[in-house]
PDB file of N, CA and C in Angstrom:
ATOM      1  N   MET A   1     161.589 164.978  84.440  1.00  0.00           N
ATOM      2  CA  MET A   1     162.477 163.864  84.676  1.00  0.00           C
ATOM      3  C   MET A   1     163.890 164.422  84.821  1.00  0.00           C
ATOM      4  N   ALA A   2     164.528 164.033  85.907  1.00  0.00           N
ATOM      5  CA  ALA A   2     165.878 164.526  86.169  1.00  0.00           C
ATOM      6  C   ALA A   2     166.877 163.781  85.300  1.00  0.00           C
ATOM      7  N   GLU A   3     167.900 164.525  84.891  1.00  0.00           N
ATOM      8  CA  GLU A   3     168.899 163.928  84.022  1.00  0.00           C
ATOM      9  C   GLU A   3     169.768 162.959  84.825  1.00  0.00           C
ATOM     10  N   GLY A   4     170.038 161.801  84.243  1.00  0.00           N
ATOM     11  CA  GLY A   4     170.895 160.816  84.905  1.00  0.00           C
ATOM     12  C   GLY A   4     170.139 159.860  85.812  1.00  0.00           C
ATOM     13  N   LYS A   5     168.850 160.109  86.042  1.00  0.00           N
ATOM     14  CA  LYS A   5     168.064 159.211  86.897  1.00  0.00           C
ATOM     15  C   LYS A   5     167.152 158.368  86.009  1.00  0.00           C
ATOM     16  N   PRO A   6     167.031 157.107  86.310  1.00  0.00           N
ATOM     17  CA  PRO A   6     166.145 156.281  85.497  1.00  0.00           C
ATOM     18  C   PRO A   6     164.688 156.699  85.703  1.00  0.00           C
ATOM     19  N   TRP A   7     163.906 156.549  84.646  1.00  0.00           N
ATOM     20  CA  TRP A   7     162.506 156.937  84.716  1.00  0.00           C
ATOM     21  C   TRP A   7     161.735 156.037  85.681  1.00  0.00           C
ATOM     22  N   LEU A   8     162.081 154.742  85.701  1.00  0.00           N
ATOM     23  CA  LEU A   8     161.390 153.791  86.560  1.00  0.00           C
ATOM     24  C   LEU A   8     162.364 153.306  87.613  1.00  0.00           C
ATOM     25  N   ASN A   9     161.968 153.359  88.841  1.00  0.00           N
ATOM     26  CA  ASN A   9     162.813 152.952  89.954  1.00  0.00           C
ATOM     27  C   ASN A   9     163.128 151.461  89.848  1.00  0.00           C
ATOM     28  N   ASN A  10     164.329 151.080  90.204  1.00  0.00           N
ATOM     29  CA  ASN A  10     164.730 149.676  90.132  1.00  0.00           C
ATOM     30  C   ASN A  10     163.878 148.790  91.028  1.00  0.00           C
ATOM     31  N   ASP A  11     163.357 149.334  92.118  1.00  0.00           N
ATOM     32  CA  ASP A  11     162.523 148.537  93.010  1.00  0.00           C
ATOM     33  C   ASP A  11     161.208 148.143  92.328  1.00  0.00           C
ATOM     34  N   LEU A  12     160.744 148.954  91.390  1.00  0.00           N
ATOM     35  CA  LEU A  12     159.474 148.678  90.736  1.00  0.00           C
ATOM     36  C   LEU A  12     159.628 147.763  89.528  1.00  0.00           C
ATOM     37  N   ARG A  13     160.833 147.661  89.002  1.00  0.00           N
ATOM     38  CA  ARG A  13     161.060 146.831  87.823  1.00  0.00           C
ATOM     39  C   ARG A  13     161.212 145.375  88.239  1.00  0.00           C
ATOM     40  N   THR A  14     160.391 144.524  87.693  1.00  0.00           N
ATOM     41  CA  THR A  14     160.549 143.097  87.935  1.00  0.00           C
ATOM     42  C   THR A  14     160.424 142.389  86.603  1.00  0.00           C
ATOM     43  N   THR A  15     161.187 141.376  86.472  1.00  0.00           N
ATOM     44  CA  THR A  15     161.096 140.542  85.286  1.00  0.00           C
ATOM     45  C   THR A  15     160.952 139.104  85.746  1.00  0.00           C
ATOM     46  N   PHE A  16     160.641 138.237  84.815  1.00  0.00           N
ATOM     47  CA  PHE A  16     160.549 136.832  85.177  1.00  0.00           C
ATOM     48  C   PHE A  16     161.895 136.316  85.654  1.00  0.00           C
ATOM     49  N   LEU A  17     162.961 136.800  85.050  1.00  0.00           N
ATOM     50  CA  LEU A  17     164.291 136.374  85.453  1.00  0.00           C
ATOM     51  C   LEU A  17     164.553 136.789  86.887  1.00  0.00           C
ATOM     52  N   GLY A  18     164.187 138.045  87.236  1.00  0.00           N
ATOM     53  CA  GLY A  18     164.383 138.525  88.595  1.00  0.00           C
ATOM     54  C   GLY A  18     163.559 137.740  89.591  1.00  0.00           C
ATOM     55  N   GLN A  19     162.348 137.401  89.251  1.00  0.00           N
ATOM     56  CA  GLN A  19     161.508 136.642  90.155  1.00  0.00           C
ATOM     57  C   GLN A  19     162.084 135.252  90.372  1.00  0.00           C
ATOM     58  N   ASN A  20     162.623 134.638  89.320  1.00  0.00           N
ATOM     59  CA  ASN A  20     163.217 133.326  89.474  1.00  0.00           C
ATOM     60  C   ASN A  20     164.462 133.383  90.345  1.00  0.00           C
ATOM     61  N   GLN A  21     165.226 134.453  90.254  1.00  0.00           N
ATOM     62  CA  GLN A  21     166.410 134.582  91.079  1.00  0.00           C
ATOM     63  C   GLN A  21     166.033 134.729  92.541  1.00  0.00           C
ATOM     64  N   GLU A  22     164.907 135.378  92.818  1.00  0.00           N
ATOM     65  CA  GLU A  22     164.476 135.533  94.201  1.00  0.00           C
ATOM     66  C   GLU A  22     163.999 134.211  94.789  1.00  0.00           C
ATOM     67  N   ARG A  23     163.303 133.405  93.992  1.00  0.00           N
ATOM     68  CA  ARG A  23     162.769 132.135  94.483  1.00  0.00           C
ATOM     69  C   ARG A  23     163.809 131.030  94.456  1.00  0.00           C
ATOM     70  N   GLY A  24     164.805 131.185  93.672  1.00  0.00           N
ATOM     71  CA  GLY A  24     165.774 130.126  93.504  1.00  0.00           C
ATOM     72  C   GLY A  24     165.518 129.399  92.201  1.00  0.00           C
ATOM     73  N   PRO A  25     166.203 128.284  91.978  1.00  0.00           N
ATOM     74  CA  PRO A  25     166.023 127.573  90.714  1.00  0.00           C
ATOM     75  C   PRO A  25     164.596 127.013  90.599  1.00  0.00           C
ATOM     76  N   VAL A  26     164.066 127.142  89.420  1.00  0.00           N
ATOM     77  CA  VAL A  26     162.719 126.652  89.149  1.00  0.00           C
ATOM     78  C   VAL A  26     162.848 125.482  88.191  1.00  0.00           C
ATOM     79  N   SER A  27     162.249 124.367  88.565  1.00  0.00           N
ATOM     80  CA  SER A  27     162.324 123.200  87.689  1.00  0.00           C
ATOM     81  C   SER A  27     160.918 122.878  87.182  1.00  0.00           C
ATOM     82  N   ILE A  28     160.868 122.393  85.970  1.00  0.00           N
ATOM     83  CA  ILE A  28     159.604 122.007  85.356  1.00  0.00           C
ATOM     84  C   ILE A  28     159.602 120.490  85.240  1.00  0.00           C
ATOM     85  N   LYS A  29     158.581 119.878  85.812  1.00  0.00           N
ATOM     86  CA  LYS A  29     158.487 118.426  85.743  1.00  0.00           C
ATOM     87  C   LYS A  29     157.890 118.043  84.402  1.00  0.00           C
ATOM     88  N   ARG A  30     158.609 117.251  83.676  1.00  0.00           N
ATOM     89  CA  ARG A  30     158.123 116.780  82.377  1.00  0.00           C
ATOM     90  C   ARG A  30     157.520 115.394  82.572  1.00  0.00           C
ATOM     91  N   THR A  31     156.303 115.262  82.139  1.00  0.00           N
ATOM     92  CA  THR A  31     155.641 113.977  82.273  1.00  0.00           C
ATOM     93  C   THR A  31     155.360 113.403  80.897  1.00  0.00           C
ATOM     94  N   LYS A  32     155.446 112.117  80.812  1.00  0.00           N
ATOM     95  CA  LYS A  32     155.161 111.431  79.557  1.00  0.00           C
ATOM     96  C   LYS A  32     153.653 111.215  79.473  1.00  0.00           C
ATOM     97  N   ILE A  33     153.077 111.609  78.359  1.00  0.00           N
ATOM     98  CA  ILE A  33     151.642 111.490  78.189  1.00  0.00           C
ATOM     99  C   ILE A  33     151.311 110.096  77.674  1.00  0.00           C
ATOM    100  N   ASN A  34     150.421 109.437  78.372  1.00  0.00           N
ATOM    101  CA  ASN A  34     149.975 108.114  77.973  1.00  0.00           C
ATOM    102  C   ASN A  34     148.963 108.291  76.843  1.00  0.00           C
ATOM    103  N   PRO A  35     149.175 107.665  75.689  1.00  0.00           N
ATOM    104  CA  PRO A  35     148.235 107.832  74.571  1.00  0.00           C
ATOM    105  C   PRO A  35     146.816 107.393  74.915  1.00  0.00           C
ATOM    106  N   ARG A  36     146.684 106.372  75.744  1.00  0.00           N
ATOM    107  CA  ARG A  36     145.349 105.918  76.144  1.00  0.00           C
ATOM    108  C   ARG A  36     144.621 107.013  76.913  1.00  0.00           C
ATOM    109  N   ASN A  37     145.328 107.712  77.805  1.00  0.00           N
ATOM    110  CA  ASN A  37     144.700 108.784  78.567  1.00  0.00           C
ATOM    111  C   ASN A  37     144.265 109.926  77.657  1.00  0.00           C
ATOM    112  N   ALA A  38     145.058 110.210  76.638  1.00  0.00           N
ATOM    113  CA  ALA A  38     144.700 111.277  75.699  1.00  0.00           C
ATOM    114  C   ALA A  38     143.441 110.909  74.925  1.00  0.00           C
ATOM    115  N   VAL A  39     143.330 109.649  74.525  1.00  0.00           N
ATOM    116  CA  VAL A  39     142.139 109.183  73.803  1.00  0.00           C
ATOM    117  C   VAL A  39     140.925 109.237  74.718  1.00  0.00           C
ATOM    118  N   LEU A  40     141.091 108.774  75.953  1.00  0.00           N
ATOM    119  CA  LEU A  40     139.975 108.796  76.900  1.00  0.00           C
ATOM    120  C   LEU A  40     139.522 110.216  77.210  1.00  0.00           C
ATOM    121  N   LYS A  41     140.461 111.133  77.308  1.00  0.00           N
ATOM    122  CA  LYS A  41     140.110 112.543  77.570  1.00  0.00           C
ATOM    123  C   LYS A  41     139.294 113.101  76.413  1.00  0.00           C
ATOM    124  N   SER A  42     139.696 112.784  75.190  1.00  0.00           N
ATOM    125  CA  SER A  42     138.973 113.260  74.020  1.00  0.00           C
ATOM    126  C   SER A  42     137.550 112.701  73.986  1.00  0.00           C
ATOM    127  N   ILE A  43     137.421 111.414  74.240  1.00  0.00           N
ATOM    128  CA  ILE A  43     136.100 110.775  74.236  1.00  0.00           C
ATOM    129  C   ILE A  43     135.238 111.329  75.364  1.00  0.00           C
ATOM    130  N   THR A  44     135.835 111.523  76.528  1.00  0.00           N
ATOM    131  CA  THR A  44     135.093 112.060  77.666  1.00  0.00           C
ATOM    132  C   THR A  44     134.587 113.465  77.388  1.00  0.00           C
ATOM    133  N   ASP A  45     135.416 114.287  76.759  1.00  0.00           N
ATOM    134  CA  ASP A  45     134.981 115.650  76.420  1.00  0.00           C
ATOM    135  C   ASP A  45     133.796 115.638  75.462  1.00  0.00           C
ATOM    136  N   LYS A  46     133.852 114.757  74.444  1.00  0.00           N
ATOM    137  CA  LYS A  46     132.737 114.654  73.497  1.00  0.00           C
ATOM    138  C   LYS A  46     131.468 114.168  74.188  1.00  0.00           C
ATOM    139  N   ALA A  47     131.611 113.157  75.055  1.00  0.00           N
ATOM    140  CA  ALA A  47     130.452 112.605  75.756  1.00  0.00           C
ATOM    141  C   ALA A  47     129.848 113.639  76.705  1.00  0.00           C
ATOM    142  N   ASP A  48     130.698 114.413  77.375  1.00  0.00           N
ATOM    143  CA  ASP A  48     130.198 115.457  78.272  1.00  0.00           C
ATOM    144  C   ASP A  48     129.409 116.506  77.498  1.00  0.00           C
ATOM    145  N   GLN A  49     129.904 116.883  76.330  1.00  0.00           N
ATOM    146  CA  GLN A  49     129.197 117.882  75.529  1.00  0.00           C
ATOM    147  C   GLN A  49     127.854 117.335  75.052  1.00  0.00           C
ATOM    148  N   ALA A  50     127.819 116.069  74.647  1.00  0.00           N
ATOM    149  CA  ALA A  50     126.553 115.465  74.225  1.00  0.00           C
ATOM    150  C   ALA A  50     125.574 115.404  75.396  1.00  0.00           C
ATOM    151  N   ALA A  51     126.072 115.092  76.588  1.00  0.00           N
ATOM    152  CA  ALA A  51     125.202 115.039  77.772  1.00  0.00           C
ATOM    153  C   ALA A  51     124.660 116.428  78.102  1.00  0.00           C
ATOM    154  N   ARG A  52     125.516 117.452  77.997  1.00  0.00           N
ATOM    155  CA  ARG A  52     125.042 118.822  78.244  1.00  0.00           C
ATOM    156  C   ARG A  52     123.967 119.220  77.240  1.00  0.00           C
ATOM    157  N   ASN A  53     124.189 118.874  75.971  1.00  0.00           N
ATOM    158  CA  ASN A  53     123.200 119.199  74.940  1.00  0.00           C
ATOM    159  C   ASN A  53     121.875 118.484  75.205  1.00  0.00           C
ATOM    160  N   TRP A  54     121.940 117.207  75.615  1.00  0.00           N
ATOM    161  CA  TRP A  54     120.717 116.468  75.899  1.00  0.00           C
ATOM    162  C   TRP A  54     119.989 117.083  77.086  1.00  0.00           C
ATOM    163  N   HIS A  55     120.752 117.476  78.114  1.00  0.00           N
ATOM    164  CA  HIS A  55     120.149 118.062  79.311  1.00  0.00           C
ATOM    165  C   HIS A  55     119.441 119.382  78.983  1.00  0.00           C
ATOM    166  N   LYS A  56     120.021 120.159  78.068  1.00  0.00           N
ATOM    167  CA  LYS A  56     119.413 121.433  77.684  1.00  0.00           C
ATOM    168  C   LYS A  56     118.156 121.234  76.835  1.00  0.00           C
ATOM    169  N   THR A  57     118.223 120.302  75.862  1.00  0.00           N
ATOM    170  CA  THR A  57     117.146 120.202  74.872  1.00  0.00           C
ATOM    171  C   THR A  57     116.245 118.985  75.060  1.00  0.00           C
ATOM    172  N   LYS A  58     116.712 117.960  75.742  1.00  0.00           N
ATOM    173  CA  LYS A  58     115.996 116.686  75.888  1.00  0.00           C
ATOM    174  C   LYS A  58     115.695 116.049  74.530  1.00  0.00           C
ATOM    175  N   ASP A  59     116.551 116.331  73.562  1.00  0.00           N
ATOM    176  CA  ASP A  59     116.407 115.767  72.220  1.00  0.00           C
ATOM    177  C   ASP A  59     117.014 114.365  72.212  1.00  0.00           C
ATOM    178  N   PRO A  60     116.268 113.344  71.777  1.00  0.00           N
ATOM    179  CA  PRO A  60     116.782 111.964  71.817  1.00  0.00           C
ATOM    180  C   PRO A  60     118.027 111.738  70.968  1.00  0.00           C
ATOM    181  N   LYS A  61     118.272 112.593  69.963  1.00  0.00           N
ATOM    182  CA  LYS A  61     119.462 112.374  69.128  1.00  0.00           C
ATOM    183  C   LYS A  61     120.743 112.554  69.948  1.00  0.00           C
ATOM    184  N   TYR A  62     120.720 113.444  70.955  1.00  0.00           N
ATOM    185  CA  TYR A  62     121.909 113.631  71.790  1.00  0.00           C
ATOM    186  C   TYR A  62     122.124 112.432  72.710  1.00  0.00           C
ATOM    187  N   LYS A  63     121.031 111.811  73.135  1.00  0.00           N
ATOM    188  CA  LYS A  63     121.148 110.611  73.961  1.00  0.00           C
ATOM    189  C   LYS A  63     121.767 109.473  73.153  1.00  0.00           C
ATOM    190  N   GLN A  64     121.323 109.297  71.923  1.00  0.00           N
ATOM    191  CA  GLN A  64     121.890 108.277  71.045  1.00  0.00           C
ATOM    192  C   GLN A  64     123.351 108.585  70.729  1.00  0.00           C
ATOM    193  N   GLU A  65     123.650 109.866  70.522  1.00  0.00           N
ATOM    194  CA  GLU A  65     125.038 110.271  70.252  1.00  0.00           C
ATOM    195  C   GLU A  65     125.921 109.929  71.444  1.00  0.00           C
ATOM    196  N   TRP A  66     125.413 110.141  72.663  1.00  0.00           N
ATOM    197  CA  TRP A  66     126.167 109.859  73.878  1.00  0.00           C
ATOM    198  C   TRP A  66     126.515 108.363  73.942  1.00  0.00           C
ATOM    199  N   TYR A  67     125.530 107.493  73.687  1.00  0.00           N
ATOM    200  CA  TYR A  67     125.790 106.056  73.700  1.00  0.00           C
ATOM    201  C   TYR A  67     126.783 105.659  72.607  1.00  0.00           C
ATOM    202  N   LYS A  68     126.667 106.273  71.452  1.00  0.00           N
ATOM    203  CA  LYS A  68     127.584 105.981  70.347  1.00  0.00           C
ATOM    204  C   LYS A  68     129.022 106.372  70.715  1.00  0.00           C
ATOM    205  N   ILE A  69     129.171 107.512  71.365  1.00  0.00           N
ATOM    206  CA  ILE A  69     130.506 107.973  71.778  1.00  0.00           C
ATOM    207  C   ILE A  69     131.086 107.023  72.816  1.00  0.00           C
ATOM    208  N   LEU A  70     130.269 106.545  73.746  1.00  0.00           N
ATOM    209  CA  LEU A  70     130.776 105.642  74.780  1.00  0.00           C
ATOM    210  C   LEU A  70     131.253 104.318  74.204  1.00  0.00           C
ATOM    211  N   LYS A  71     130.683 103.895  73.091  1.00  0.00           N
ATOM    212  CA  LYS A  71     131.124 102.649  72.455  1.00  0.00           C
ATOM    213  C   LYS A  71     132.504 102.793  71.822  1.00  0.00           C
ATOM    214  N   GLU A  72     132.991 104.042  71.659  1.00  0.00           N
ATOM    215  CA  GLU A  72     134.319 104.275  71.089  1.00  0.00           C
ATOM    216  C   GLU A  72     135.446 104.033  72.086  1.00  0.00           C
ATOM    217  N   ILE A  73     135.106 103.860  73.362  1.00  0.00           N
ATOM    218  CA  ILE A  73     136.138 103.674  74.386  1.00  0.00           C
ATOM    219  C   ILE A  73     136.880 102.377  74.107  1.00  0.00           C
ATOM    220  N   PRO A  74     138.218 102.437  74.007  1.00  0.00           N
ATOM    221  CA  PRO A  74     138.981 101.211  73.731  1.00  0.00           C
ATOM    222  C   PRO A  74     138.927 100.249  74.913  1.00  0.00           C
ATOM    223  N   LYS A  75     138.942  98.973  74.614  1.00  0.00           N
ATOM    224  CA  LYS A  75     138.905  97.946  75.651  1.00  0.00           C
ATOM    225  C   LYS A  75     140.257  97.859  76.333  1.00  0.00           C
ATOM    226  N   GLU A  76     140.224  97.480  77.627  1.00  0.00           N
ATOM    227  CA  GLU A  76     141.462  97.289  78.379  1.00  0.00           C
ATOM    228  C   GLU A  76     142.156  96.019  77.911  1.00  0.00           C
ATOM    229  N   ARG A  77     143.470  96.062  77.934  1.00  0.00           N
ATOM    230  CA  ARG A  77     144.220  94.844  77.602  1.00  0.00           C
ATOM    231  C   ARG A  77     144.155  93.891  78.775  1.00  0.00           C
ATOM    232  N   VAL A  78     143.905  92.636  78.496  1.00  0.00           N
ATOM    233  CA  VAL A  78     143.779  91.620  79.553  1.00  0.00           C
ATOM    234  C   VAL A  78     145.056  90.816  79.689  1.00  0.00           C
ATOM    235  N   ASP A  79     145.969  90.939  78.752  1.00  0.00           N
ATOM    236  CA  ASP A  79     147.171  90.114  78.759  1.00  0.00           C
ATOM    237  C   ASP A  79     148.274  90.637  79.667  1.00  0.00           C
ATOM    238  N   ILE A  80     147.934  91.469  80.632  1.00  0.00           N
ATOM    239  CA  ILE A  80     148.931  91.985  81.581  1.00  0.00           C
ATOM    240  C   ILE A  80     149.025  90.984  82.728  1.00  0.00           C
ATOM    241  N   TYR A  81     150.208  90.470  82.953  1.00  0.00           N
ATOM    242  CA  TYR A  81     150.410  89.463  83.990  1.00  0.00           C
ATOM    243  C   TYR A  81     150.736  90.127  85.321  1.00  0.00           C
ATOM    244  N   PRO A  82     150.312  89.489  86.424  1.00  0.00           N
ATOM    245  CA  PRO A  82     150.585  90.084  87.746  1.00  0.00           C
ATOM    246  C   PRO A  82     152.036  90.049  88.122  1.00  0.00           C
TER     247      PRO A  82
END
């Protein structure tokens, strides 16, 4: 290694800051999470796993579990006016 020369060439060094400067300003869109969607996602994930288990084993307990999980879905509010 020569004295006074950097070990790594500047062309090879990249950082996240450098990449952002090349692309310009980067903005992150912040979205508000709807609590109902979070609940539905959780229930859907559980139901999907129960369905996968039933498909693999054909055990009736997973089928009953799937129906039980679907009953946990909250009802839609009807009092929304047009």
